[in-house]
Amino acid sequence: MILSKFKDKNIKKKIDRELMNSNKPSSSFSNKKINSVLIFIDEDTTINRNQFFAKELEISVSEVKTINCIKSISKELGSEIFLTEKDFSWLGKIKNEQIQSITKYEFDLLINLTTDNLLSDYLIVLSKAKFKAGFSNADKRLYDFMIDTDEVSVFSKELKKYLKILNKL
């Protein structure tokens, strides 16, 4: 319990430090079309988000990657990418090489469907995604675009609408 709180405190410090040292220009907007998407989801998710968002955004399913933010991994979950507390050291360093490589890839769009998840927030800060979208009840410093809803279906429809307006689709 104490190590968990220490880990959380270290990760919060890293998030703040990364946001303060971020050299991302305030107007990093471009008209480049979206071809690759990274999605963070909770363990409560029941539908296949890769297929759902690929269909909504009219891109190939192979270009959509999903990271499941869960408490623990069971063996029957398959070969998807999972994010657990065990993927971080007590100092907040990422131990999972697969997660490290994803933070280095430049996705065109990052979508965060998790709520109140410190680990996904840290990965969002580290991500080199060109455009980041999430729910409006999250830390506003993390995203380029936020939608005020709690429902994924409403979020996806609104996101699609605004991405078309922004000439991203």
N, C-alpha and C. Protein backbone atom coordinates (compact mmCIF):
# COMPACT_ATOMS: atom_id res chain seq x y z
N MET A 1 0.82 -1.19 0.00
CA MET A 1 0.00 0.00 0.00
C MET A 1 0.87 1.25 0.00
N ILE A 2 1.88 1.28 0.83
CA ILE A 2 2.76 2.44 0.90
C ILE A 2 3.52 2.59 -0.41
N LEU A 3 4.00 1.47 -0.97
CA LEU A 3 4.72 1.54 -2.25
C LEU A 3 3.80 2.02 -3.37
N SER A 4 2.55 1.61 -3.33
CA SER A 4 1.60 2.05 -4.34
C SER A 4 1.40 3.56 -4.28
N LYS A 5 1.26 4.10 -3.08
CA LYS A 5 1.10 5.56 -2.93
C LYS A 5 2.38 6.28 -3.35
N PHE A 6 3.52 5.69 -3.04
CA PHE A 6 4.79 6.28 -3.44
C PHE A 6 4.92 6.28 -4.96
N LYS A 7 4.51 5.18 -5.59
CA LYS A 7 4.54 5.07 -7.05
C LYS A 7 3.62 6.11 -7.67
N ASP A 8 2.40 6.24 -7.13
CA ASP A 8 1.46 7.24 -7.65
C ASP A 8 2.02 8.66 -7.52
N LYS A 9 2.64 8.95 -6.39
CA LYS A 9 3.21 10.28 -6.18
C LYS A 9 4.34 10.55 -7.19
N ASN A 10 5.18 9.55 -7.43
CA ASN A 10 6.26 9.70 -8.40
C ASN A 10 5.73 9.89 -9.82
N ILE A 11 4.69 9.17 -10.16
CA ILE A 11 4.10 9.31 -11.50
C ILE A 11 3.46 10.68 -11.66
N LYS A 12 2.77 11.18 -10.63
CA LYS A 12 2.18 12.52 -10.69
C LYS A 12 3.27 13.58 -10.89
N LYS A 13 4.39 13.42 -10.19
CA LYS A 13 5.51 14.36 -10.37
C LYS A 13 6.04 14.29 -11.79
N LYS A 14 6.15 13.08 -12.34
CA LYS A 14 6.64 12.92 -13.71
C LYS A 14 5.69 13.56 -14.72
N ILE A 15 4.39 13.41 -14.50
CA ILE A 15 3.42 14.04 -15.39
C ILE A 15 3.58 15.55 -15.37
N ASP A 16 3.63 16.13 -14.18
CA ASP A 16 3.80 17.58 -14.06
C ASP A 16 5.10 18.06 -14.70
N ARG A 17 6.17 17.32 -14.47
CA ARG A 17 7.47 17.69 -15.04
C ARG A 17 7.44 17.62 -16.56
N GLU A 18 6.84 16.56 -17.11
CA GLU A 18 6.75 16.42 -18.57
C GLU A 18 5.91 17.53 -19.18
N LEU A 19 4.81 17.88 -18.52
CA LEU A 19 3.96 18.95 -19.05
C LEU A 19 4.66 20.31 -18.99
N MET A 20 5.43 20.54 -17.94
CA MET A 20 6.16 21.80 -17.83
C MET A 20 7.29 21.88 -18.85
N ASN A 21 7.93 20.76 -19.13
CA ASN A 21 9.07 20.74 -20.06
C ASN A 21 8.66 20.46 -21.49
N SER A 22 7.37 20.32 -21.73
CA SER A 22 6.89 19.99 -23.07
C SER A 22 7.26 21.09 -24.04
N ASN A 23 7.85 20.67 -25.15
CA ASN A 23 8.23 21.64 -26.18
C ASN A 23 7.24 21.62 -27.34
N LYS A 24 6.05 21.08 -27.09
CA LYS A 24 5.01 21.03 -28.12
C LYS A 24 4.50 22.44 -28.36
N PRO A 25 4.55 22.90 -29.60
CA PRO A 25 4.03 24.24 -29.87
C PRO A 25 2.53 24.31 -29.60
N SER A 26 2.08 25.47 -29.16
CA SER A 26 0.67 25.62 -28.82
C SER A 26 -0.24 25.49 -30.05
N SER A 27 0.31 25.72 -31.22
CA SER A 27 -0.48 25.57 -32.44
C SER A 27 0.09 24.44 -33.30
N SER A 28 0.02 23.22 -32.77
CA SER A 28 0.57 22.07 -33.47
C SER A 28 -0.44 21.46 -34.44
N PHE A 29 -1.46 22.21 -34.79
CA PHE A 29 -2.52 21.72 -35.64
C PHE A 29 -2.07 21.65 -37.09
N SER A 30 -2.43 20.56 -37.76
CA SER A 30 -2.17 20.45 -39.19
C SER A 30 -3.40 19.86 -39.86
N ASN A 31 -3.46 19.94 -41.16
CA ASN A 31 -4.58 19.39 -41.90
C ASN A 31 -4.35 17.95 -42.33
N LYS A 32 -3.33 17.31 -41.81
CA LYS A 32 -3.02 15.94 -42.17
C LYS A 32 -4.16 15.02 -41.76
N LYS A 33 -4.55 14.13 -42.66
CA LYS A 33 -5.62 13.19 -42.40
C LYS A 33 -5.18 12.14 -41.38
N ILE A 34 -6.14 11.60 -40.64
CA ILE A 34 -5.85 10.60 -39.62
C ILE A 34 -5.74 9.22 -40.26
N ASN A 35 -4.60 8.58 -40.05
CA ASN A 35 -4.37 7.24 -40.58
C ASN A 35 -4.09 6.22 -39.49
N SER A 36 -3.65 6.67 -38.31
CA SER A 36 -3.33 5.75 -37.22
C SER A 36 -3.90 6.29 -35.91
N VAL A 37 -4.44 5.37 -35.09
CA VAL A 37 -5.12 5.76 -33.87
C VAL A 37 -4.66 4.88 -32.71
N LEU A 38 -4.45 5.50 -31.56
CA LEU A 38 -4.16 4.79 -30.31
C LEU A 38 -5.30 5.08 -29.35
N ILE A 39 -5.88 4.02 -28.75
CA ILE A 39 -7.02 4.17 -27.86
C ILE A 39 -6.69 3.56 -26.50
N PHE A 40 -6.94 4.32 -25.43
CA PHE A 40 -6.83 3.80 -24.06
C PHE A 40 -8.25 3.48 -23.59
N ILE A 41 -8.46 2.26 -23.08
CA ILE A 41 -9.78 1.86 -22.59
C ILE A 41 -9.67 1.27 -21.19
N ASP A 42 -10.80 1.28 -20.47
CA ASP A 42 -10.91 0.68 -19.14
C ASP A 42 -11.17 -0.81 -19.27
N GLU A 43 -11.06 -1.50 -18.16
CA GLU A 43 -11.39 -2.92 -18.17
C GLU A 43 -12.89 -3.15 -18.24
N ASP A 44 -13.71 -2.13 -18.06
CA ASP A 44 -15.16 -2.25 -18.13
C ASP A 44 -15.68 -2.35 -19.56
N THR A 45 -14.82 -2.11 -20.53
CA THR A 45 -15.24 -2.07 -21.92
C THR A 45 -15.68 -3.45 -22.41
N THR A 46 -16.80 -3.47 -23.10
CA THR A 46 -17.33 -4.76 -23.56
C THR A 46 -17.29 -4.94 -25.07
N ILE A 47 -17.26 -3.86 -25.84
CA ILE A 47 -17.23 -4.02 -27.29
C ILE A 47 -15.82 -3.82 -27.82
N ASN A 48 -15.55 -4.33 -28.99
CA ASN A 48 -14.25 -4.22 -29.61
C ASN A 48 -14.05 -2.79 -30.11
N ARG A 49 -13.27 -2.01 -29.39
CA ARG A 49 -13.06 -0.60 -29.72
C ARG A 49 -12.28 -0.42 -31.02
N ASN A 50 -11.39 -1.36 -31.36
CA ASN A 50 -10.63 -1.23 -32.60
C ASN A 50 -11.57 -1.17 -33.80
N GLN A 51 -12.47 -2.15 -33.88
CA GLN A 51 -13.41 -2.21 -35.00
C GLN A 51 -14.40 -1.04 -34.96
N PHE A 52 -14.85 -0.71 -33.78
CA PHE A 52 -15.82 0.37 -33.62
C PHE A 52 -15.25 1.70 -34.12
N PHE A 53 -14.04 2.07 -33.65
CA PHE A 53 -13.46 3.35 -34.06
C PHE A 53 -12.93 3.32 -35.49
N ALA A 54 -12.46 2.18 -35.95
CA ALA A 54 -12.03 2.08 -37.35
C ALA A 54 -13.21 2.35 -38.27
N LYS A 55 -14.37 1.80 -37.92
CA LYS A 55 -15.59 2.03 -38.72
C LYS A 55 -16.03 3.48 -38.61
N GLU A 56 -16.04 4.03 -37.39
CA GLU A 56 -16.47 5.42 -37.18
C GLU A 56 -15.57 6.41 -37.93
N LEU A 57 -14.25 6.18 -37.86
CA LEU A 57 -13.29 7.11 -38.45
C LEU A 57 -12.92 6.76 -39.88
N GLU A 58 -13.49 5.64 -40.37
CA GLU A 58 -13.28 5.20 -41.75
C GLU A 58 -11.81 4.99 -42.07
N ILE A 59 -11.12 4.24 -41.18
CA ILE A 59 -9.73 3.86 -41.41
C ILE A 59 -9.60 2.35 -41.23
N SER A 60 -8.45 1.82 -41.60
CA SER A 60 -8.21 0.38 -41.50
C SER A 60 -8.10 -0.06 -40.04
N VAL A 61 -8.68 -1.21 -39.72
CA VAL A 61 -8.63 -1.75 -38.36
C VAL A 61 -7.17 -2.01 -37.94
N SER A 62 -6.32 -2.34 -38.88
CA SER A 62 -4.92 -2.62 -38.55
C SER A 62 -4.17 -1.37 -38.09
N GLU A 63 -4.72 -0.19 -38.36
CA GLU A 63 -4.09 1.06 -37.95
C GLU A 63 -4.60 1.57 -36.61
N VAL A 64 -5.44 0.78 -35.94
CA VAL A 64 -5.98 1.16 -34.64
C VAL A 64 -5.38 0.25 -33.58
N LYS A 65 -4.68 0.82 -32.62
CA LYS A 65 -4.09 0.08 -31.51
C LYS A 65 -4.83 0.44 -30.24
N THR A 66 -5.03 -0.56 -29.38
CA THR A 66 -5.75 -0.36 -28.13
C THR A 66 -4.89 -0.79 -26.96
N ILE A 67 -4.87 0.03 -25.92
CA ILE A 67 -4.21 -0.34 -24.67
C ILE A 67 -5.31 -0.45 -23.62
N ASN A 68 -5.44 -1.65 -23.06
CA ASN A 68 -6.44 -1.91 -22.01
C ASN A 68 -5.83 -1.62 -20.66
N CYS A 69 -6.38 -0.67 -19.94
CA CYS A 69 -5.92 -0.31 -18.60
C CYS A 69 -6.69 -1.14 -17.58
N ILE A 70 -6.02 -2.17 -17.05
CA ILE A 70 -6.69 -3.12 -16.15
C ILE A 70 -5.90 -3.29 -14.87
N LYS A 71 -6.54 -3.88 -13.87
CA LYS A 71 -5.87 -4.11 -12.59
C LYS A 71 -4.91 -5.28 -12.64
N SER A 72 -5.33 -6.39 -13.25
CA SER A 72 -4.45 -7.56 -13.37
C SER A 72 -4.80 -8.33 -14.63
N ILE A 73 -3.83 -9.07 -15.15
CA ILE A 73 -3.99 -9.80 -16.40
C ILE A 73 -4.27 -11.27 -16.10
N SER A 74 -5.29 -11.80 -16.73
CA SER A 74 -5.52 -13.24 -16.65
C SER A 74 -5.01 -13.87 -17.94
N LYS A 75 -4.67 -15.13 -17.90
CA LYS A 75 -4.02 -15.79 -19.04
C LYS A 75 -4.92 -15.91 -20.26
N GLU A 76 -6.25 -15.92 -20.09
CA GLU A 76 -7.12 -16.10 -21.24
C GLU A 76 -7.38 -14.82 -22.02
N LEU A 77 -6.77 -13.72 -21.67
CA LEU A 77 -7.04 -12.46 -22.34
C LEU A 77 -6.40 -12.33 -23.72
N GLY A 78 -5.49 -13.18 -24.08
CA GLY A 78 -4.94 -13.17 -25.43
C GLY A 78 -3.74 -12.27 -25.58
N SER A 79 -3.54 -11.80 -26.81
CA SER A 79 -2.31 -11.08 -27.13
C SER A 79 -2.50 -9.57 -27.26
N GLU A 80 -3.57 -9.01 -26.71
CA GLU A 80 -3.75 -7.57 -26.76
C GLU A 80 -2.74 -6.88 -25.86
N ILE A 81 -2.67 -5.55 -25.96
CA ILE A 81 -1.75 -4.78 -25.14
C ILE A 81 -2.47 -4.35 -23.88
N PHE A 82 -1.87 -4.66 -22.73
CA PHE A 82 -2.47 -4.34 -21.45
C PHE A 82 -1.55 -3.45 -20.64
N LEU A 83 -2.15 -2.60 -19.84
CA LEU A 83 -1.42 -1.70 -18.96
C LEU A 83 -1.88 -1.95 -17.54
N THR A 84 -0.94 -2.37 -16.69
CA THR A 84 -1.24 -2.59 -15.28
C THR A 84 -0.21 -1.85 -14.44
N GLU A 85 -0.44 -1.79 -13.14
CA GLU A 85 0.52 -1.15 -12.24
C GLU A 85 1.87 -1.86 -12.27
N LYS A 86 1.88 -3.14 -12.60
CA LYS A 86 3.12 -3.91 -12.64
C LYS A 86 4.04 -3.48 -13.79
N ASP A 87 3.49 -2.72 -14.74
CA ASP A 87 4.29 -2.23 -15.86
C ASP A 87 5.15 -1.02 -15.49
N PHE A 88 5.05 -0.57 -14.24
CA PHE A 88 5.80 0.58 -13.77
C PHE A 88 6.59 0.22 -12.52
N SER A 89 7.81 0.75 -12.43
CA SER A 89 8.59 0.56 -11.21
C SER A 89 8.04 1.48 -10.13
N TRP A 90 8.50 1.33 -8.91
CA TRP A 90 8.02 2.19 -7.83
C TRP A 90 8.47 3.63 -8.01
N LEU A 91 9.45 3.86 -8.89
CA LEU A 91 9.86 5.23 -9.22
C LEU A 91 9.07 5.79 -10.42
N GLY A 92 8.18 4.98 -10.97
CA GLY A 92 7.36 5.44 -12.08
C GLY A 92 7.97 5.18 -13.45
N LYS A 93 9.03 4.39 -13.53
CA LYS A 93 9.66 4.08 -14.81
C LYS A 93 8.90 2.94 -15.49
N ILE A 94 8.71 3.05 -16.80
CA ILE A 94 7.99 2.02 -17.55
C ILE A 94 8.90 0.80 -17.71
N LYS A 95 8.39 -0.37 -17.28
CA LYS A 95 9.16 -1.61 -17.38
C LYS A 95 8.78 -2.43 -18.61
N ASN A 96 7.59 -2.24 -19.14
CA ASN A 96 7.08 -3.02 -20.26
C ASN A 96 7.60 -2.43 -21.58
N GLU A 97 8.39 -3.22 -22.32
CA GLU A 97 8.98 -2.74 -23.57
C GLU A 97 7.93 -2.44 -24.64
N GLN A 98 6.86 -3.21 -24.65
CA GLN A 98 5.79 -2.99 -25.63
C GLN A 98 5.13 -1.62 -25.40
N ILE A 99 4.91 -1.27 -24.14
CA ILE A 99 4.33 0.03 -23.81
C ILE A 99 5.32 1.15 -24.15
N GLN A 100 6.60 0.94 -23.86
CA GLN A 100 7.62 1.94 -24.19
C GLN A 100 7.65 2.23 -25.68
N SER A 101 7.58 1.19 -26.50
CA SER A 101 7.64 1.38 -27.95
C SER A 101 6.40 2.13 -28.47
N ILE A 102 5.26 1.90 -27.85
CA ILE A 102 4.04 2.59 -28.28
C ILE A 102 4.12 4.09 -27.98
N THR A 103 4.76 4.46 -26.87
CA THR A 103 4.87 5.89 -26.55
C THR A 103 5.80 6.61 -27.53
N LYS A 104 6.64 5.88 -28.22
CA LYS A 104 7.57 6.49 -29.16
C LYS A 104 7.01 6.60 -30.58
N TYR A 105 5.94 5.87 -30.87
CA TYR A 105 5.33 5.89 -32.20
C TYR A 105 4.45 7.13 -32.36
N GLU A 106 4.51 7.77 -33.50
CA GLU A 106 3.73 8.99 -33.75
C GLU A 106 2.37 8.65 -34.36
N PHE A 107 1.39 8.40 -33.51
CA PHE A 107 0.02 8.17 -33.96
C PHE A 107 -0.57 9.50 -34.40
N ASP A 108 -1.49 9.45 -35.35
CA ASP A 108 -2.17 10.66 -35.80
C ASP A 108 -3.21 11.12 -34.79
N LEU A 109 -3.80 10.16 -34.05
CA LEU A 109 -4.85 10.48 -33.10
C LEU A 109 -4.73 9.57 -31.89
N LEU A 110 -4.83 10.16 -30.71
CA LEU A 110 -4.88 9.40 -29.46
C LEU A 110 -6.23 9.68 -28.82
N ILE A 111 -6.94 8.61 -28.46
CA ILE A 111 -8.25 8.74 -27.82
C ILE A 111 -8.16 8.09 -26.45
N ASN A 112 -8.50 8.83 -25.41
CA ASN A 112 -8.51 8.27 -24.06
C ASN A 112 -9.95 8.09 -23.59
N LEU A 113 -10.34 6.83 -23.40
CA LEU A 113 -11.69 6.52 -22.93
C LEU A 113 -11.68 6.08 -21.48
N THR A 114 -10.55 6.26 -20.80
CA THR A 114 -10.48 5.91 -19.38
C THR A 114 -10.85 7.14 -18.56
N THR A 115 -11.25 6.89 -17.33
CA THR A 115 -11.54 7.99 -16.43
C THR A 115 -10.71 7.83 -15.16
N ASP A 116 -10.08 8.89 -14.77
CA ASP A 116 -9.31 8.91 -13.53
C ASP A 116 -8.27 7.81 -13.45
N ASN A 117 -7.45 7.67 -14.50
CA ASN A 117 -6.42 6.64 -14.53
C ASN A 117 -5.06 7.32 -14.65
N LEU A 118 -4.32 7.32 -13.58
CA LEU A 118 -3.03 7.99 -13.52
C LEU A 118 -2.02 7.39 -14.51
N LEU A 119 -2.05 6.07 -14.67
CA LEU A 119 -1.10 5.41 -15.57
C LEU A 119 -1.34 5.79 -17.03
N SER A 120 -2.60 5.81 -17.44
CA SER A 120 -2.88 6.22 -18.82
C SER A 120 -2.56 7.70 -19.01
N ASP A 121 -2.81 8.53 -17.99
CA ASP A 121 -2.45 9.95 -18.09
C ASP A 121 -0.96 10.12 -18.33
N TYR A 122 -0.16 9.33 -17.65
CA TYR A 122 1.29 9.41 -17.82
C TYR A 122 1.69 9.01 -19.24
N LEU A 123 1.09 7.96 -19.77
CA LEU A 123 1.40 7.53 -21.13
C LEU A 123 0.92 8.55 -22.16
N ILE A 124 -0.18 9.23 -21.87
CA ILE A 124 -0.66 10.28 -22.78
C ILE A 124 0.34 11.42 -22.83
N VAL A 125 0.89 11.78 -21.69
CA VAL A 125 1.90 12.84 -21.66
C VAL A 125 3.14 12.42 -22.45
N LEU A 126 3.54 11.16 -22.32
CA LEU A 126 4.74 10.67 -23.02
C LEU A 126 4.50 10.43 -24.51
N SER A 127 3.26 10.23 -24.89
CA SER A 127 2.93 9.88 -26.27
C SER A 127 3.33 10.99 -27.24
N LYS A 128 3.75 10.57 -28.41
CA LYS A 128 4.10 11.50 -29.47
C LYS A 128 2.95 11.66 -30.46
N ALA A 129 1.74 11.32 -30.03
CA ALA A 129 0.56 11.46 -30.89
C ALA A 129 0.39 12.91 -31.29
N LYS A 130 -0.05 13.12 -32.52
CA LYS A 130 -0.17 14.47 -33.05
C LYS A 130 -1.43 15.19 -32.59
N PHE A 131 -2.46 14.43 -32.28
CA PHE A 131 -3.74 15.01 -31.85
C PHE A 131 -4.31 14.12 -30.77
N LYS A 132 -4.62 14.70 -29.59
CA LYS A 132 -5.08 13.92 -28.45
C LYS A 132 -6.48 14.37 -28.05
N ALA A 133 -7.38 13.38 -27.88
CA ALA A 133 -8.77 13.67 -27.53
C ALA A 133 -9.17 12.85 -26.32
N GLY A 134 -10.01 13.44 -25.47
CA GLY A 134 -10.47 12.74 -24.29
C GLY A 134 -11.72 13.38 -23.71
N PHE A 135 -12.19 12.81 -22.61
CA PHE A 135 -13.36 13.33 -21.92
C PHE A 135 -13.01 14.64 -21.22
N SER A 136 -14.00 15.52 -21.07
CA SER A 136 -13.75 16.85 -20.51
C SER A 136 -13.53 16.85 -19.00
N ASN A 137 -13.82 15.75 -18.33
CA ASN A 137 -13.63 15.71 -16.88
C ASN A 137 -12.20 15.34 -16.49
N ALA A 138 -11.31 15.24 -17.46
CA ALA A 138 -9.91 14.88 -17.21
C ALA A 138 -9.04 16.13 -17.13
N ASP A 139 -7.74 15.92 -16.92
CA ASP A 139 -6.77 17.01 -16.86
C ASP A 139 -6.69 17.69 -18.23
N LYS A 140 -7.04 18.93 -18.30
CA LYS A 140 -7.13 19.66 -19.56
C LYS A 140 -5.77 19.88 -20.23
N ARG A 141 -4.69 19.76 -19.47
CA ARG A 141 -3.36 19.95 -20.02
C ARG A 141 -2.95 18.78 -20.93
N LEU A 142 -3.64 17.66 -20.85
CA LEU A 142 -3.24 16.46 -21.58
C LEU A 142 -3.73 16.42 -23.02
N TYR A 143 -4.78 17.17 -23.33
CA TYR A 143 -5.47 16.99 -24.61
C TYR A 143 -5.48 18.23 -25.48
N ASP A 144 -5.62 17.98 -26.78
CA ASP A 144 -5.83 19.04 -27.74
C ASP A 144 -7.33 19.30 -27.91
N PHE A 145 -8.13 18.26 -27.63
CA PHE A 145 -9.57 18.35 -27.87
C PHE A 145 -10.29 17.52 -26.81
N MET A 146 -11.33 18.10 -26.20
CA MET A 146 -12.09 17.41 -25.16
C MET A 146 -13.57 17.50 -25.46
N ILE A 147 -14.29 16.43 -25.13
CA ILE A 147 -15.73 16.37 -25.36
C ILE A 147 -16.43 16.14 -24.03
N ASP A 148 -17.46 16.92 -23.78
CA ASP A 148 -18.18 16.89 -22.51
C ASP A 148 -19.29 15.84 -22.53
N THR A 149 -18.92 14.59 -22.28
CA THR A 149 -19.86 13.48 -22.19
C THR A 149 -19.19 12.34 -21.42
N ASP A 150 -20.01 11.40 -20.96
CA ASP A 150 -19.48 10.21 -20.31
C ASP A 150 -19.75 8.95 -21.11
N GLU A 151 -20.48 9.08 -22.20
CA GLU A 151 -20.85 7.93 -23.02
C GLU A 151 -19.94 7.82 -24.24
N VAL A 152 -19.43 6.62 -24.46
CA VAL A 152 -18.50 6.38 -25.57
C VAL A 152 -19.18 6.59 -26.92
N SER A 153 -20.43 6.17 -27.05
CA SER A 153 -21.11 6.33 -28.34
C SER A 153 -21.31 7.80 -28.70
N VAL A 154 -21.67 8.62 -27.72
CA VAL A 154 -21.82 10.06 -27.95
C VAL A 154 -20.45 10.66 -28.25
N PHE A 155 -19.44 10.24 -27.48
CA PHE A 155 -18.08 10.73 -27.68
C PHE A 155 -17.62 10.47 -29.11
N SER A 156 -17.82 9.24 -29.59
CA SER A 156 -17.34 8.88 -30.93
C SER A 156 -18.05 9.67 -32.02
N LYS A 157 -19.37 9.88 -31.87
CA LYS A 157 -20.11 10.66 -32.86
C LYS A 157 -19.65 12.11 -32.88
N GLU A 158 -19.48 12.69 -31.70
CA GLU A 158 -19.02 14.08 -31.62
C GLU A 158 -17.59 14.22 -32.14
N LEU A 159 -16.74 13.26 -31.79
CA LEU A 159 -15.36 13.30 -32.27
C LEU A 159 -15.32 13.25 -33.79
N LYS A 160 -16.09 12.35 -34.36
CA LYS A 160 -16.14 12.24 -35.82
C LYS A 160 -16.62 13.55 -36.45
N LYS A 161 -17.65 14.13 -35.87
CA LYS A 161 -18.20 15.38 -36.39
C LYS A 161 -17.14 16.49 -36.39
N TYR A 162 -16.44 16.63 -35.27
CA TYR A 162 -15.45 17.70 -35.18
C TYR A 162 -14.18 17.40 -35.97
N LEU A 163 -13.82 16.15 -36.11
CA LEU A 163 -12.66 15.82 -36.95
C LEU A 163 -12.96 16.13 -38.41
N LYS A 164 -14.19 15.96 -38.83
CA LYS A 164 -14.57 16.34 -40.20
C LYS A 164 -14.50 17.85 -40.36
N ILE A 165 -14.99 18.59 -39.36
CA ILE A 165 -14.94 20.05 -39.41
C ILE A 165 -13.48 20.53 -39.46
N LEU A 166 -12.61 19.87 -38.71
CA LEU A 166 -11.19 20.23 -38.69
C LEU A 166 -10.41 19.68 -39.88
N ASN A 167 -11.11 19.00 -40.79
CA ASN A 167 -10.52 18.45 -41.99
C ASN A 167 -9.47 17.37 -41.68
N LYS A 168 -9.74 16.59 -40.66
CA LYS A 168 -8.84 15.50 -40.28
C LYS A 168 -9.29 14.16 -40.85
N LEU A 169 -10.53 14.07 -41.31
CA LEU A 169 -11.05 12.81 -41.90
C LEU A 169 -11.30 12.98 -43.37
